[in-house]
């Protein structure tokens, strides 16, 4: 009963901010299409392509801010660390499902009447099942929120200074050292093998067809690893007053 109450509380508090976010997001899109229609006389050439990325940024903020105050509040009211984690992950599942439904339906609607380009279409092209689009989007939405929650747990555990140092170091390795290795050090054949491997992970086969089970299973495995890691960290997290 406590866990059910916790999940309800988490979902209710998140829904208010989500409603404000969607009102702003689709208000901007509607205004943009209105301006395009007034200038062009039609909507066919007006393209918005950052909707899902904006949603992922929102979920990242939701995940990163969903720990400190909630953790203190729930711990002081008798909830265990396990129930707090399950309640938070339950809220992430609910919010990710809701946002995936809204964004998949809105994308399908806008594609019919405008030049709207969903992120899924940009990566895989059009003509695929709307159910696949929904599952794919839900997986990534949940991944973003749960990953940011884990990072916040780690930051609280090891201290913000050390966490930011590690984060900056990883950023430098990813965006500076890795491109240098790819361009100047690694053999061309190895670089191409790595790129082909990445394409396989996101679903592209060597014959040009797409196998959506690959990216969906990959995201599922990563989400399981994140949840296990979150449980391991939160079990060792102290309540800081």
C-alpha atoms as a PDB file:
ATOM      1  CA  UNK A   1       0.000   0.000   0.000  1.00  0.00           C
ATOM      2  CA  UNK A   2       2.852   2.379   0.855  1.00  0.00           C
ATOM      3  CA  UNK A   3       4.516   1.763  -2.503  1.00  0.00           C
ATOM      4  CA  UNK A   4       1.235   2.371  -4.350  1.00  0.00           C
ATOM      5  CA  UNK A   5       0.753   5.638  -2.449  1.00  0.00           C
ATOM      6  CA  UNK A   6       4.320   6.696  -3.208  1.00  0.00           C
ATOM      7  CA  UNK A   7       3.935   6.042  -6.941  1.00  0.00           C
ATOM      8  CA  UNK A   8       0.634   7.948  -7.014  1.00  0.00           C
ATOM      9  CA  UNK A   9       2.253  10.899  -5.249  1.00  0.00           C
ATOM     10  CA  UNK A  10       5.252  10.915  -7.600  1.00  0.00           C
ATOM     11  CA  UNK A  11       3.043  10.699 -10.700  1.00  0.00           C
ATOM     12  CA  UNK A  12       0.647  13.399  -9.516  1.00  0.00           C
ATOM     13  CA  UNK A  13       3.402  15.906  -8.747  1.00  0.00           C
ATOM     14  CA  UNK A  14       5.105  15.187 -12.095  1.00  0.00           C
ATOM     15  CA  UNK A  15       1.897  15.521 -14.124  1.00  0.00           C
ATOM     16  CA  UNK A  16       1.531  19.195 -13.205  1.00  0.00           C
ATOM     17  CA  UNK A  17       4.939  20.129 -14.589  1.00  0.00           C
ATOM     18  CA  UNK A  18       4.384  17.856 -17.608  1.00  0.00           C
ATOM     19  CA  UNK A  19       1.132  19.635 -18.468  1.00  0.00           C
ATOM     20  CA  UNK A  20       2.925  22.995 -18.356  1.00  0.00           C
ATOM     21  CA  UNK A  21       5.778  21.638 -20.493  1.00  0.00           C
ATOM     22  CA  UNK A  22       3.448  20.269 -23.191  1.00  0.00           C
ATOM     23  CA  UNK A  23       1.371  23.439 -23.207  1.00  0.00           C
ATOM     24  CA  UNK A  24       4.521  25.461 -23.913  1.00  0.00           C
ATOM     25  CA  UNK A  25       6.014  22.966 -26.388  1.00  0.00           C
ATOM     26  CA  UNK A  26       2.971  22.467 -28.593  1.00  0.00           C
ATOM     27  CA  UNK A  27       1.971  26.098 -28.159  1.00  0.00           C
ATOM     28  CA  UNK A  28       5.293  27.054 -29.759  1.00  0.00           C
ATOM     29  CA  UNK A  29       4.787  24.476 -32.535  1.00  0.00           C
ATOM     30  CA  UNK A  30       1.250  25.694 -33.210  1.00  0.00           C
ATOM     31  CA  UNK A  31       2.442  29.293 -33.289  1.00  0.00           C
ATOM     32  CA  UNK A  32       5.271  28.358 -35.661  1.00  0.00           C
ATOM     33  CA  UNK A  33       2.889  26.599 -38.044  1.00  0.00           C
ATOM     34  CA  UNK A  34       0.520  29.564 -37.881  1.00  0.00           C
ATOM     35  CA  UNK A  35       3.306  31.932 -38.884  1.00  0.00           C
ATOM     36  CA  UNK A  36       4.385  29.522 -41.658  1.00  0.00           C
ATOM     37  CA  UNK A  37       0.821  29.312 -42.966  1.00  0.00           C
ATOM     38  CA  UNK A  38       0.476  33.110 -42.961  1.00  0.00           C
ATOM     39  CA  UNK A  39       3.741  33.491 -44.905  1.00  0.00           C
ATOM     40  CA  UNK A  40       3.532  30.483 -47.258  1.00  0.00           C
ATOM     41  CA  UNK A  41      -0.199  29.877 -47.470  1.00  0.00           C
ATOM     42  CA  UNK A  42       0.333  26.183 -46.677  1.00  0.00           C
ATOM     43  CA  UNK A  43       2.080  23.961 -44.101  1.00  0.00           C
ATOM     44  CA  UNK A  44       3.837  21.465 -46.354  1.00  0.00           C
ATOM     45  CA  UNK A  45       7.250  23.056 -46.178  1.00  0.00           C
ATOM     46  CA  UNK A  46       7.319  23.938 -42.477  1.00  0.00           C
ATOM     47  CA  UNK A  47       9.331  21.399 -40.505  1.00  0.00           C
ATOM     48  CA  UNK A  48       9.801  21.011 -36.743  1.00  0.00           C
ATOM     49  CA  UNK A  49      12.281  18.290 -35.870  1.00  0.00           C
ATOM     50  CA  UNK A  50      13.305  18.846 -32.247  1.00  0.00           C
ATOM     51  CA  UNK A  51      10.164  17.833 -30.370  1.00  0.00           C
ATOM     52  CA  UNK A  52      11.454  14.495 -29.031  1.00  0.00           C
ATOM     53  CA  UNK A  53      14.803  16.045 -28.093  1.00  0.00           C
ATOM     54  CA  UNK A  54      12.963  18.726 -26.101  1.00  0.00           C
ATOM     55  CA  UNK A  55      11.040  15.935 -24.346  1.00  0.00           C
ATOM     56  CA  UNK A  56      14.283  14.111 -23.538  1.00  0.00           C
ATOM     57  CA  UNK A  57      15.707  17.306 -22.045  1.00  0.00           C
ATOM     58  CA  UNK A  58      12.570  17.630 -19.903  1.00  0.00           C
ATOM     59  CA  UNK A  59      12.892  13.991 -18.772  1.00  0.00           C
ATOM     60  CA  UNK A  60      16.568  14.509 -18.030  1.00  0.00           C
ATOM     61  CA  UNK A  61      15.710  17.440 -15.776  1.00  0.00           C
ATOM     62  CA  UNK A  62      12.893  15.431 -14.178  1.00  0.00           C
ATOM     63  CA  UNK A  63      15.286  12.568 -13.463  1.00  0.00           C
ATOM     64  CA  UNK A  64      18.084  14.750 -12.131  1.00  0.00           C
ATOM     65  CA  UNK A  65      15.812  16.774  -9.841  1.00  0.00           C
ATOM     66  CA  UNK A  66      13.749  13.803  -8.666  1.00  0.00           C
ATOM     67  CA  UNK A  67      16.125  12.685  -5.928  1.00  0.00           C
ATOM     68  CA  UNK A  68      17.380  15.069  -3.252  1.00  0.00           C
ATOM     69  CA  UNK A  69      14.247  16.555  -1.687  1.00  0.00           C
ATOM     70  CA  UNK A  70      12.046  13.522  -2.412  1.00  0.00           C
ATOM     71  CA  UNK A  71      14.619  11.191  -0.855  1.00  0.00           C
ATOM     72  CA  UNK A  72      14.730  13.204   2.362  1.00  0.00           C
ATOM     73  CA  UNK A  73      10.951  13.503   2.525  1.00  0.00           C
ATOM     74  CA  UNK A  74      10.261   9.808   1.958  1.00  0.00           C
ATOM     75  CA  UNK A  75      13.024   8.596   4.277  1.00  0.00           C
ATOM     76  CA  UNK A  76      11.731  10.832   7.067  1.00  0.00           C
ATOM     77  CA  UNK A  77       8.243   9.376   6.537  1.00  0.00           C
ATOM     78  CA  UNK A  78       9.231   5.746   6.936  1.00  0.00           C
ATOM     79  CA  UNK A  79       9.809   4.630   3.339  1.00  0.00           C
ATOM     80  CA  UNK A  80      12.687   2.263   2.628  1.00  0.00           C
ATOM     81  CA  UNK A  81      15.336   2.964   0.007  1.00  0.00           C
ATOM     82  CA  UNK A  82      14.003   0.089  -2.092  1.00  0.00           C
ATOM     83  CA  UNK A  83      10.442   1.454  -2.072  1.00  0.00           C
ATOM     84  CA  UNK A  84      11.719   4.957  -2.898  1.00  0.00           C
ATOM     85  CA  UNK A  85      13.618   3.605  -5.914  1.00  0.00           C
ATOM     86  CA  UNK A  86      10.682   1.468  -7.095  1.00  0.00           C
ATOM     87  CA  UNK A  87       8.303   4.399  -6.667  1.00  0.00           C
ATOM     88  CA  UNK A  88      10.565   6.706  -8.660  1.00  0.00           C
ATOM     89  CA  UNK A  89      11.104   4.160 -11.432  1.00  0.00           C
ATOM     90  CA  UNK A  90       7.355   3.523 -11.492  1.00  0.00           C
ATOM     91  CA  UNK A  91       6.814   7.243 -11.989  1.00  0.00           C
ATOM     92  CA  UNK A  92       9.404   7.265 -14.794  1.00  0.00           C
ATOM     93  CA  UNK A  93       7.591   4.362 -16.500  1.00  0.00           C
ATOM     94  CA  UNK A  94       4.235   6.146 -16.226  1.00  0.00           C
ATOM     95  CA  UNK A  95       5.538   9.511 -17.461  1.00  0.00           C
ATOM     96  CA  UNK A  96       7.570   7.902 -20.275  1.00  0.00           C
ATOM     97  CA  UNK A  97       4.556   5.868 -21.408  1.00  0.00           C
ATOM     98  CA  UNK A  98       2.310   8.919 -21.344  1.00  0.00           C
ATOM     99  CA  UNK A  99       4.796  11.079 -23.244  1.00  0.00           C
ATOM    100  CA  UNK A 100       5.481   8.326 -25.788  1.00  0.00           C
ATOM    101  CA  UNK A 101       1.738   7.991 -26.454  1.00  0.00           C
ATOM    102  CA  UNK A 102       1.278  11.754 -26.810  1.00  0.00           C
ATOM    103  CA  UNK A 103       4.334  12.298 -29.011  1.00  0.00           C
ATOM    104  CA  UNK A 104       3.684   9.262 -31.229  1.00  0.00           C
ATOM    105  CA  UNK A 105       0.061  10.291 -31.826  1.00  0.00           C
ATOM    106  CA  UNK A 106       0.939  13.958 -32.363  1.00  0.00           C
ATOM    107  CA  UNK A 107       3.729  13.005 -34.779  1.00  0.00           C
ATOM    108  CA  UNK A 108       1.359  10.761 -36.762  1.00  0.00           C
ATOM    109  CA  UNK A 109      -1.170  13.598 -36.916  1.00  0.00           C
ATOM    110  CA  UNK A 110       1.284  16.330 -37.859  1.00  0.00           C
ATOM    111  CA  UNK A 111       2.961  14.183 -40.529  1.00  0.00           C
ATOM    112  CA  UNK A 112      -0.399  13.895 -42.317  1.00  0.00           C
ATOM    113  CA  UNK A 113      -0.919  17.654 -42.610  1.00  0.00           C
ATOM    114  CA  UNK A 114       2.517  19.267 -42.363  1.00  0.00           C
ATOM    115  CA  UNK A 115       6.192  18.706 -43.062  1.00  0.00           C
ATOM    116  CA  UNK A 116       6.771  17.552 -39.492  1.00  0.00           C
ATOM    117  CA  UNK A 117       9.782  15.225 -39.140  1.00  0.00           C
ATOM    118  CA  UNK A 118       9.720  12.979 -36.029  1.00  0.00           C
ATOM    119  CA  UNK A 119      13.063  11.811 -34.691  1.00  0.00           C
ATOM    120  CA  UNK A 120      12.155   8.202 -35.527  1.00  0.00           C
ATOM    121  CA  UNK A 121      11.572   9.123 -39.184  1.00  0.00           C
ATOM    122  CA  UNK A 122      14.857  11.016 -39.312  1.00  0.00           C
ATOM    123  CA  UNK A 123      16.743   7.904 -38.206  1.00  0.00           C
ATOM    124  CA  UNK A 124      14.767   5.086 -39.840  1.00  0.00           C
ATOM    125  CA  UNK A 125      12.609   6.751 -42.462  1.00  0.00           C
ATOM    126  CA  UNK A 126       8.819   6.664 -42.761  1.00  0.00           C
ATOM    127  CA  UNK A 127       6.416   3.798 -43.429  1.00  0.00           C
ATOM    128  CA  UNK A 128       7.108   1.798 -40.275  1.00  0.00           C
ATOM    129  CA  UNK A 129       4.575   0.559 -37.728  1.00  0.00           C
ATOM    130  CA  UNK A 130       3.309   3.194 -35.304  1.00  0.00           C
ATOM    131  CA  UNK A 131       3.579   0.571 -32.540  1.00  0.00           C
ATOM    132  CA  UNK A 132       7.316   0.206 -33.219  1.00  0.00           C
ATOM    133  CA  UNK A 133       7.672   3.986 -33.067  1.00  0.00           C
ATOM    134  CA  UNK A 134       5.872   4.058 -29.712  1.00  0.00           C
ATOM    135  CA  UNK A 135       7.972   1.233 -28.179  1.00  0.00           C
ATOM    136  CA  UNK A 136      11.197   2.799 -29.467  1.00  0.00           C
ATOM    137  CA  UNK A 137      10.285   6.226 -28.097  1.00  0.00           C
ATOM    138  CA  UNK A 138       9.147   4.863 -24.730  1.00  0.00           C
ATOM    139  CA  UNK A 139      12.416   2.957 -24.312  1.00  0.00           C
ATOM    140  CA  UNK A 140      14.527   6.038 -24.937  1.00  0.00           C
ATOM    141  CA  UNK A 141      12.344   8.275 -22.775  1.00  0.00           C
ATOM    142  CA  UNK A 142      12.662   5.888 -19.844  1.00  0.00           C
ATOM    143  CA  UNK A 143      16.395   5.511 -20.512  1.00  0.00           C
ATOM    144  CA  UNK A 144      17.001   9.249 -20.304  1.00  0.00           C
ATOM    145  CA  UNK A 145      15.035   9.766 -17.081  1.00  0.00           C
ATOM    146  CA  UNK A 146      16.471   6.717 -15.277  1.00  0.00           C
ATOM    147  CA  UNK A 147      20.028   7.507 -16.419  1.00  0.00           C
ATOM    148  CA  UNK A 148      19.841  11.066 -15.090  1.00  0.00           C
ATOM    149  CA  UNK A 149      18.440   9.730 -11.824  1.00  0.00           C
ATOM    150  CA  UNK A 150      21.384   7.316 -11.533  1.00  0.00           C
ATOM    151  CA  UNK A 151      23.858  10.114 -12.255  1.00  0.00           C
ATOM    152  CA  UNK A 152      22.259  12.208  -9.534  1.00  0.00           C
ATOM    153  CA  UNK A 153      22.517   9.292  -7.109  1.00  0.00           C
ATOM    154  CA  UNK A 154      26.219   8.906  -7.954  1.00  0.00           C
ATOM    155  CA  UNK A 155      26.777  12.652  -7.582  1.00  0.00           C
ATOM    156  CA  UNK A 156      25.181  12.602  -4.134  1.00  0.00           C
ATOM    157  CA  UNK A 157      27.240   9.563  -3.110  1.00  0.00           C
ATOM    158  CA  UNK A 158      30.739  10.622  -4.199  1.00  0.00           C
ATOM    159  CA  UNK A 159      30.334  14.400  -3.922  1.00  0.00           C
ATOM    160  CA  UNK A 160      29.592  16.958  -6.603  1.00  0.00           C
ATOM    161  CA  UNK A 161      33.206  18.110  -7.100  1.00  0.00           C
ATOM    162  CA  UNK A 162      34.517  14.614  -7.821  1.00  0.00           C
ATOM    163  CA  UNK A 163      31.422  13.824  -9.913  1.00  0.00           C
ATOM    164  CA  UNK A 164      31.858  16.942 -12.078  1.00  0.00           C
ATOM    165  CA  UNK A 165      35.555  16.155 -12.496  1.00  0.00           C
ATOM    166  CA  UNK A 166      34.711  12.632 -13.707  1.00  0.00           C
ATOM    167  CA  UNK A 167      31.944  13.977 -15.946  1.00  0.00           C
ATOM    168  CA  UNK A 168      34.240  16.586 -17.536  1.00  0.00           C
ATOM    169  CA  UNK A 169      36.956  13.959 -18.025  1.00  0.00           C
ATOM    170  CA  UNK A 170      34.521  11.582 -19.721  1.00  0.00           C
ATOM    171  CA  UNK A 171      33.280  14.447 -21.897  1.00  0.00           C
ATOM    172  CA  UNK A 172      36.800  15.269 -23.014  1.00  0.00           C
ATOM    173  CA  UNK A 173      37.516  11.612 -23.770  1.00  0.00           C
ATOM    174  CA  UNK A 174      34.285  11.262 -25.737  1.00  0.00           C
ATOM    175  CA  UNK A 175      34.344  14.520 -27.708  1.00  0.00           C
ATOM    176  CA  UNK A 176      38.079  15.242 -28.010  1.00  0.00           C
ATOM    177  CA  UNK A 177      40.177  12.093 -27.587  1.00  0.00           C
ATOM    178  CA  UNK A 178      37.833   9.699 -29.402  1.00  0.00           C
ATOM    179  CA  UNK A 179      37.587  11.806 -32.616  1.00  0.00           C
ATOM    180  CA  UNK A 180      41.384  12.128 -32.614  1.00  0.00           C
ATOM    181  CA  UNK A 181      41.752   8.360 -32.303  1.00  0.00           C
ATOM    182  CA  UNK A 182      39.251   7.764 -35.093  1.00  0.00           C
ATOM    183  CA  UNK A 183      40.835  10.304 -37.439  1.00  0.00           C
ATOM    184  CA  UNK A 184      44.561   9.989 -36.712  1.00  0.00           C
ATOM    185  CA  UNK A 185      45.396   6.766 -34.873  1.00  0.00           C
ATOM    186  CA  UNK A 186      43.053   3.867 -35.597  1.00  0.00           C
ATOM    187  CA  UNK A 187      43.287   2.043 -38.953  1.00  0.00           C
ATOM    188  CA  UNK A 188      40.568   2.942 -41.439  1.00  0.00           C
ATOM    189  CA  UNK A 189      39.328  -0.649 -41.548  1.00  0.00           C
ATOM    190  CA  UNK A 190      38.859  -0.735 -37.762  1.00  0.00           C
ATOM    191  CA  UNK A 191      37.008   2.593 -37.801  1.00  0.00           C
ATOM    192  CA  UNK A 192      34.640   1.292 -40.487  1.00  0.00           C
ATOM    193  CA  UNK A 193      34.080  -1.939 -38.508  1.00  0.00           C
ATOM    194  CA  UNK A 194      33.175   0.128 -35.427  1.00  0.00           C
ATOM    195  CA  UNK A 195      30.768   2.284 -37.439  1.00  0.00           C
ATOM    196  CA  UNK A 196      29.133  -0.786 -38.987  1.00  0.00           C
ATOM    197  CA  UNK A 197      28.817  -2.266 -35.494  1.00  0.00           C
ATOM    198  CA  UNK A 198      27.070   0.870 -34.258  1.00  0.00           C
ATOM    199  CA  UNK A 199      24.712   0.740 -37.224  1.00  0.00           C
ATOM    200  CA  UNK A 200      23.893  -2.878 -36.342  1.00  0.00           C
ATOM    201  CA  UNK A 201      23.146  -1.834 -32.753  1.00  0.00           C
ATOM    202  CA  UNK A 202      20.608   0.775 -33.867  1.00  0.00           C
ATOM    203  CA  UNK A 203      18.998  -1.767 -36.195  1.00  0.00           C
ATOM    204  CA  UNK A 204      20.571  -1.451 -39.648  1.00  0.00           C
ATOM    205  CA  UNK A 205      21.642  -4.696 -41.309  1.00  0.00           C
ATOM    206  CA  UNK A 206      24.384  -5.125 -43.891  1.00  0.00           C
ATOM    207  CA  UNK A 207      21.787  -5.605 -46.636  1.00  0.00           C
ATOM    208  CA  UNK A 208      20.164  -2.243 -45.865  1.00  0.00           C
ATOM    209  CA  UNK A 209      17.109  -3.619 -44.054  1.00  0.00           C
ATOM    210  CA  UNK A 210      16.209  -2.648 -40.496  1.00  0.00           C
ATOM    211  CA  UNK A 211      15.789  -5.041 -37.571  1.00  0.00           C
ATOM    212  CA  UNK A 212      14.058  -3.109 -34.787  1.00  0.00           C
ATOM    213  CA  UNK A 213      14.568  -5.853 -32.206  1.00  0.00           C
ATOM    214  CA  UNK A 214      18.253  -4.850 -31.963  1.00  0.00           C
ATOM    215  CA  UNK A 215      17.792  -1.256 -30.713  1.00  0.00           C
ATOM    216  CA  UNK A 216      14.800  -2.219 -28.534  1.00  0.00           C
ATOM    217  CA  UNK A 217      16.710  -5.054 -26.854  1.00  0.00           C
ATOM    218  CA  UNK A 218      19.780  -2.838 -26.463  1.00  0.00           C
ATOM    219  CA  UNK A 219      17.768  -0.136 -24.723  1.00  0.00           C
ATOM    220  CA  UNK A 220      16.084  -2.791 -22.549  1.00  0.00           C
ATOM    221  CA  UNK A 221      19.439  -4.218 -21.440  1.00  0.00           C
ATOM    222  CA  UNK A 222      20.836  -0.747 -20.709  1.00  0.00           C
ATOM    223  CA  UNK A 223      17.720   0.127 -18.690  1.00  0.00           C
ATOM    224  CA  UNK A 224      18.092  -3.060 -16.614  1.00  0.00           C
ATOM    225  CA  UNK A 225      21.762  -2.238 -15.942  1.00  0.00           C
ATOM    226  CA  UNK A 226      20.789   1.300 -14.897  1.00  0.00           C
ATOM    227  CA  UNK A 227      18.068   0.029 -12.531  1.00  0.00           C
ATOM    228  CA  UNK A 228      20.428  -2.489 -10.892  1.00  0.00           C
ATOM    229  CA  UNK A 229      23.117   0.193 -10.572  1.00  0.00           C
ATOM    230  CA  UNK A 230      20.602   2.639  -9.080  1.00  0.00           C
ATOM    231  CA  UNK A 231      19.564   0.062  -6.485  1.00  0.00           C
ATOM    232  CA  UNK A 232      23.202  -0.623  -5.585  1.00  0.00           C
ATOM    233  CA  UNK A 233      23.950   3.095  -5.144  1.00  0.00           C
ATOM    234  CA  UNK A 234      20.750   4.069  -3.292  1.00  0.00           C
ATOM    235  CA  UNK A 235      21.289   1.238  -0.783  1.00  0.00           C
ATOM    236  CA  UNK A 236      24.537   2.987   0.150  1.00  0.00           C
ATOM    237  CA  UNK A 237      23.196   6.531   0.035  1.00  0.00           C
ATOM    238  CA  UNK A 238      23.120   8.455   3.309  1.00  0.00           C
ATOM    239  CA  UNK A 239      20.336  10.817   4.307  1.00  0.00           C
ATOM    240  CA  UNK A 240      21.896  14.284   4.292  1.00  0.00           C
ATOM    241  CA  UNK A 241      19.951  16.750   6.418  1.00  0.00           C
END
